[in-house]
Amino acid sequence: LDNKRIGVGTTMYYPVEVAGALLSMGDAHAAQGDSELDGTGIETSINGRFKITVIKAADFNDWQMELDFPLGETESEWIAHGF
């Protein structure tokens, strides 16, 4: 997801609808707005530490049961993504 609000400390929730699904991360940008609608972004490599946690349906909170889009959470805001 190309969103300048996703950064250090953001928790992302990605619904997984396929058994055995895989995760791929990359396509980092040094500068960019939200998405690449205008066709520009400064591509860069990415290094970091990521904590990946799989939350099984049996352990969902009520709001997670309804989640069908990527959602970000920071200390001060929710970041909703639509497709």
N, C-alpha and C. Protein backbone atom coordinates (compact mmCIF):
# COMPACT_ATOMS: atom_id res chain seq x y z
N LEU A 1 0.84 -1.18 0.00
CA LEU A 1 0.00 0.00 0.00
C LEU A 1 0.87 1.23 0.00
N ASP A 2 0.64 2.10 -0.92
CA ASP A 2 1.38 3.36 -0.98
C ASP A 2 0.63 4.41 -0.18
N ASN A 3 1.05 4.62 1.05
CA ASN A 3 0.40 5.61 1.91
C ASN A 3 1.46 6.21 2.82
N LYS A 4 1.66 7.52 2.71
CA LYS A 4 2.71 8.19 3.48
C LYS A 4 2.45 8.16 4.99
N ARG A 5 1.26 7.79 5.43
CA ARG A 5 0.95 7.73 6.85
C ARG A 5 1.42 6.42 7.51
N ILE A 6 1.78 5.44 6.71
CA ILE A 6 2.26 4.17 7.26
C ILE A 6 3.74 4.33 7.56
N GLY A 7 4.12 4.22 8.82
CA GLY A 7 5.51 4.42 9.19
C GLY A 7 5.85 3.66 10.46
N VAL A 8 6.95 4.04 11.06
CA VAL A 8 7.42 3.38 12.28
C VAL A 8 6.32 3.44 13.33
N GLY A 9 6.03 2.30 13.93
CA GLY A 9 5.03 2.23 14.99
C GLY A 9 3.62 1.96 14.53
N THR A 10 3.38 1.95 13.22
CA THR A 10 2.04 1.68 12.71
C THR A 10 1.76 0.18 12.76
N THR A 11 0.59 -0.17 13.23
CA THR A 11 0.12 -1.56 13.18
C THR A 11 -0.81 -1.68 11.99
N MET A 12 -0.52 -2.61 11.11
CA MET A 12 -1.36 -2.83 9.94
C MET A 12 -2.12 -4.15 10.09
N TYR A 13 -3.38 -4.12 9.72
CA TYR A 13 -4.24 -5.31 9.70
C TYR A 13 -4.58 -5.59 8.25
N TYR A 14 -4.23 -6.77 7.79
CA TYR A 14 -4.52 -7.19 6.41
C TYR A 14 -5.40 -8.44 6.46
N PRO A 15 -6.63 -8.36 5.99
CA PRO A 15 -7.47 -9.56 5.94
C PRO A 15 -6.85 -10.60 5.01
N VAL A 16 -6.84 -11.83 5.41
CA VAL A 16 -6.31 -12.92 4.59
C VAL A 16 -7.48 -13.85 4.28
N GLU A 17 -7.75 -14.02 3.00
CA GLU A 17 -8.91 -14.80 2.61
C GLU A 17 -8.55 -16.10 1.89
N VAL A 18 -7.25 -16.42 1.86
CA VAL A 18 -6.81 -17.62 1.16
C VAL A 18 -5.94 -18.44 2.10
N ALA A 19 -6.29 -19.70 2.29
CA ALA A 19 -5.48 -20.58 3.13
C ALA A 19 -4.08 -20.71 2.53
N GLY A 20 -3.06 -20.60 3.37
CA GLY A 20 -1.69 -20.73 2.90
C GLY A 20 -1.15 -19.48 2.22
N ALA A 21 -1.83 -18.34 2.38
CA ALA A 21 -1.40 -17.10 1.73
C ALA A 21 0.02 -16.72 2.17
N LEU A 22 0.73 -16.01 1.30
CA LEU A 22 2.09 -15.55 1.58
C LEU A 22 2.09 -14.03 1.74
N LEU A 23 3.19 -13.50 2.26
CA LEU A 23 3.34 -12.06 2.45
C LEU A 23 4.60 -11.60 1.75
N SER A 24 4.49 -10.51 1.02
CA SER A 24 5.63 -9.91 0.35
C SER A 24 5.65 -8.42 0.67
N MET A 25 6.83 -7.90 1.00
CA MET A 25 6.95 -6.47 1.29
C MET A 25 8.04 -5.88 0.42
N GLY A 26 7.87 -4.64 0.02
CA GLY A 26 8.86 -3.97 -0.81
C GLY A 26 8.26 -2.74 -1.44
N ASP A 27 8.84 -2.28 -2.53
CA ASP A 27 8.38 -1.11 -3.24
C ASP A 27 8.37 0.12 -2.35
N ALA A 28 9.45 0.32 -1.60
CA ALA A 28 9.55 1.47 -0.69
C ALA A 28 9.80 2.75 -1.47
N HIS A 29 9.38 3.86 -0.91
CA HIS A 29 9.55 5.17 -1.54
C HIS A 29 10.21 6.14 -0.58
N ALA A 30 11.20 6.88 -1.05
CA ALA A 30 11.85 7.92 -0.25
C ALA A 30 10.97 9.16 -0.19
N ALA A 31 10.18 9.39 -1.21
CA ALA A 31 9.25 10.52 -1.24
C ALA A 31 8.10 10.17 -2.19
N GLN A 32 6.90 10.45 -1.73
CA GLN A 32 5.72 10.18 -2.55
C GLN A 32 4.50 10.65 -1.78
N GLY A 33 3.46 10.98 -2.50
CA GLY A 33 2.18 11.29 -1.87
C GLY A 33 1.46 9.98 -1.60
N ASP A 34 0.15 10.04 -1.62
CA ASP A 34 -0.64 8.82 -1.45
C ASP A 34 -0.88 8.19 -2.81
N SER A 35 -0.36 7.05 -3.02
CA SER A 35 -0.45 6.24 -4.24
C SER A 35 0.49 6.78 -5.32
N GLU A 36 0.39 6.21 -6.48
CA GLU A 36 1.21 6.66 -7.61
C GLU A 36 0.31 7.10 -8.76
N LEU A 37 -0.75 7.77 -8.43
CA LEU A 37 -1.71 8.20 -9.46
C LEU A 37 -1.10 9.12 -10.49
N ASP A 38 -0.14 9.94 -10.05
CA ASP A 38 0.49 10.84 -11.01
C ASP A 38 1.74 10.22 -11.64
N GLY A 39 2.03 8.99 -11.28
CA GLY A 39 3.13 8.26 -11.90
C GLY A 39 4.50 8.56 -11.33
N THR A 40 4.57 9.29 -10.22
CA THR A 40 5.87 9.61 -9.66
C THR A 40 6.04 9.09 -8.25
N GLY A 41 7.23 8.73 -7.93
CA GLY A 41 7.63 8.28 -6.60
C GLY A 41 9.12 8.02 -6.64
N ILE A 42 9.83 8.36 -5.61
CA ILE A 42 11.27 8.12 -5.57
C ILE A 42 11.50 6.76 -4.93
N GLU A 43 11.82 5.78 -5.76
CA GLU A 43 12.01 4.41 -5.30
C GLU A 43 13.30 4.29 -4.47
N THR A 44 13.29 3.42 -3.48
CA THR A 44 14.46 3.20 -2.63
C THR A 44 14.42 1.79 -2.07
N SER A 45 15.53 1.34 -1.54
CA SER A 45 15.55 0.05 -0.86
C SER A 45 14.99 0.22 0.55
N ILE A 46 14.71 -0.88 1.20
CA ILE A 46 14.17 -0.81 2.56
C ILE A 46 14.85 -1.85 3.43
N ASN A 47 15.25 -1.43 4.57
CA ASN A 47 15.78 -2.32 5.60
C ASN A 47 15.03 -2.01 6.89
N GLY A 48 14.81 -2.99 7.69
CA GLY A 48 14.13 -2.74 8.95
C GLY A 48 13.74 -4.03 9.63
N ARG A 49 13.11 -3.87 10.73
CA ARG A 49 12.58 -5.02 11.48
C ARG A 49 11.07 -4.92 11.48
N PHE A 50 10.47 -6.02 11.13
CA PHE A 50 9.02 -6.09 11.07
C PHE A 50 8.55 -7.21 11.98
N LYS A 51 7.51 -6.96 12.72
CA LYS A 51 6.91 -8.01 13.54
C LYS A 51 5.62 -8.44 12.84
N ILE A 52 5.57 -9.70 12.45
CA ILE A 52 4.41 -10.25 11.76
C ILE A 52 3.67 -11.16 12.73
N THR A 53 2.40 -10.88 12.95
CA THR A 53 1.57 -11.69 13.84
C THR A 53 0.34 -12.14 13.08
N VAL A 54 0.06 -13.41 13.09
CA VAL A 54 -1.17 -13.93 12.47
C VAL A 54 -2.22 -14.05 13.58
N ILE A 55 -3.34 -13.37 13.38
CA ILE A 55 -4.44 -13.44 14.33
C ILE A 55 -5.49 -14.36 13.72
N LYS A 56 -5.69 -15.50 14.32
CA LYS A 56 -6.68 -16.47 13.83
C LYS A 56 -8.09 -16.00 14.13
N ALA A 57 -9.05 -16.38 13.31
CA ALA A 57 -10.44 -15.95 13.45
C ALA A 57 -10.99 -16.22 14.84
N ALA A 58 -10.58 -17.30 15.46
CA ALA A 58 -11.07 -17.64 16.80
C ALA A 58 -10.64 -16.60 17.85
N ASP A 59 -9.60 -15.82 17.54
CA ASP A 59 -9.08 -14.82 18.48
C ASP A 59 -9.45 -13.39 18.10
N PHE A 60 -10.28 -13.22 17.08
CA PHE A 60 -10.66 -11.88 16.63
C PHE A 60 -11.46 -11.13 17.69
N ASN A 61 -11.26 -9.79 17.73
CA ASN A 61 -12.18 -8.91 18.44
C ASN A 61 -13.40 -8.73 17.54
N ASP A 62 -14.49 -8.19 18.09
CA ASP A 62 -15.71 -8.03 17.29
C ASP A 62 -15.46 -7.23 16.01
N TRP A 63 -14.71 -6.12 16.09
CA TRP A 63 -14.50 -5.28 14.92
C TRP A 63 -13.66 -5.98 13.87
N GLN A 64 -12.79 -6.91 14.28
CA GLN A 64 -11.95 -7.63 13.32
C GLN A 64 -12.77 -8.62 12.50
N MET A 65 -13.88 -9.08 13.04
CA MET A 65 -14.75 -10.00 12.29
C MET A 65 -15.32 -9.33 11.04
N GLU A 66 -15.51 -8.02 11.05
CA GLU A 66 -16.11 -7.29 9.94
C GLU A 66 -15.07 -6.72 8.98
N LEU A 67 -13.80 -6.82 9.32
CA LEU A 67 -12.74 -6.18 8.53
C LEU A 67 -12.55 -6.89 7.19
N ASP A 68 -12.73 -6.15 6.10
CA ASP A 68 -12.51 -6.72 4.76
C ASP A 68 -11.67 -5.79 3.90
N PHE A 69 -10.87 -4.94 4.54
CA PHE A 69 -9.97 -4.01 3.84
C PHE A 69 -8.75 -3.79 4.72
N PRO A 70 -7.61 -3.41 4.14
CA PRO A 70 -6.43 -3.12 4.95
C PRO A 70 -6.68 -1.93 5.87
N LEU A 71 -6.24 -2.04 7.12
CA LEU A 71 -6.47 -1.01 8.11
C LEU A 71 -5.19 -0.75 8.88
N GLY A 72 -4.83 0.51 9.03
CA GLY A 72 -3.67 0.88 9.82
C GLY A 72 -4.10 1.50 11.14
N GLU A 73 -3.26 1.33 12.16
CA GLU A 73 -3.54 1.91 13.46
C GLU A 73 -2.27 2.56 14.00
N THR A 74 -2.35 3.83 14.38
CA THR A 74 -1.25 4.52 15.03
C THR A 74 -1.73 4.94 16.42
N GLU A 75 -0.88 5.62 17.16
CA GLU A 75 -1.28 6.08 18.49
C GLU A 75 -2.41 7.11 18.42
N SER A 76 -2.52 7.80 17.28
CA SER A 76 -3.49 8.90 17.21
C SER A 76 -4.57 8.75 16.14
N GLU A 77 -4.46 7.75 15.25
CA GLU A 77 -5.45 7.67 14.18
C GLU A 77 -5.58 6.26 13.61
N TRP A 78 -6.69 6.05 12.91
CA TRP A 78 -6.92 4.86 12.10
C TRP A 78 -6.69 5.27 10.66
N ILE A 79 -6.12 4.36 9.86
CA ILE A 79 -5.85 4.63 8.45
C ILE A 79 -6.62 3.59 7.63
N ALA A 80 -7.73 4.01 7.04
CA ALA A 80 -8.55 3.09 6.26
C ALA A 80 -8.12 3.11 4.80
N HIS A 81 -8.13 1.95 4.16
CA HIS A 81 -7.77 1.81 2.75
C HIS A 81 -8.94 1.15 2.02
N GLY A 82 -9.27 1.67 0.88
CA GLY A 82 -10.33 1.09 0.07
C GLY A 82 -9.81 0.76 -1.31
N PHE A 83 -10.41 -0.23 -1.92
CA PHE A 83 -10.02 -0.61 -3.28
C PHE A 83 -11.23 -0.56 -4.18
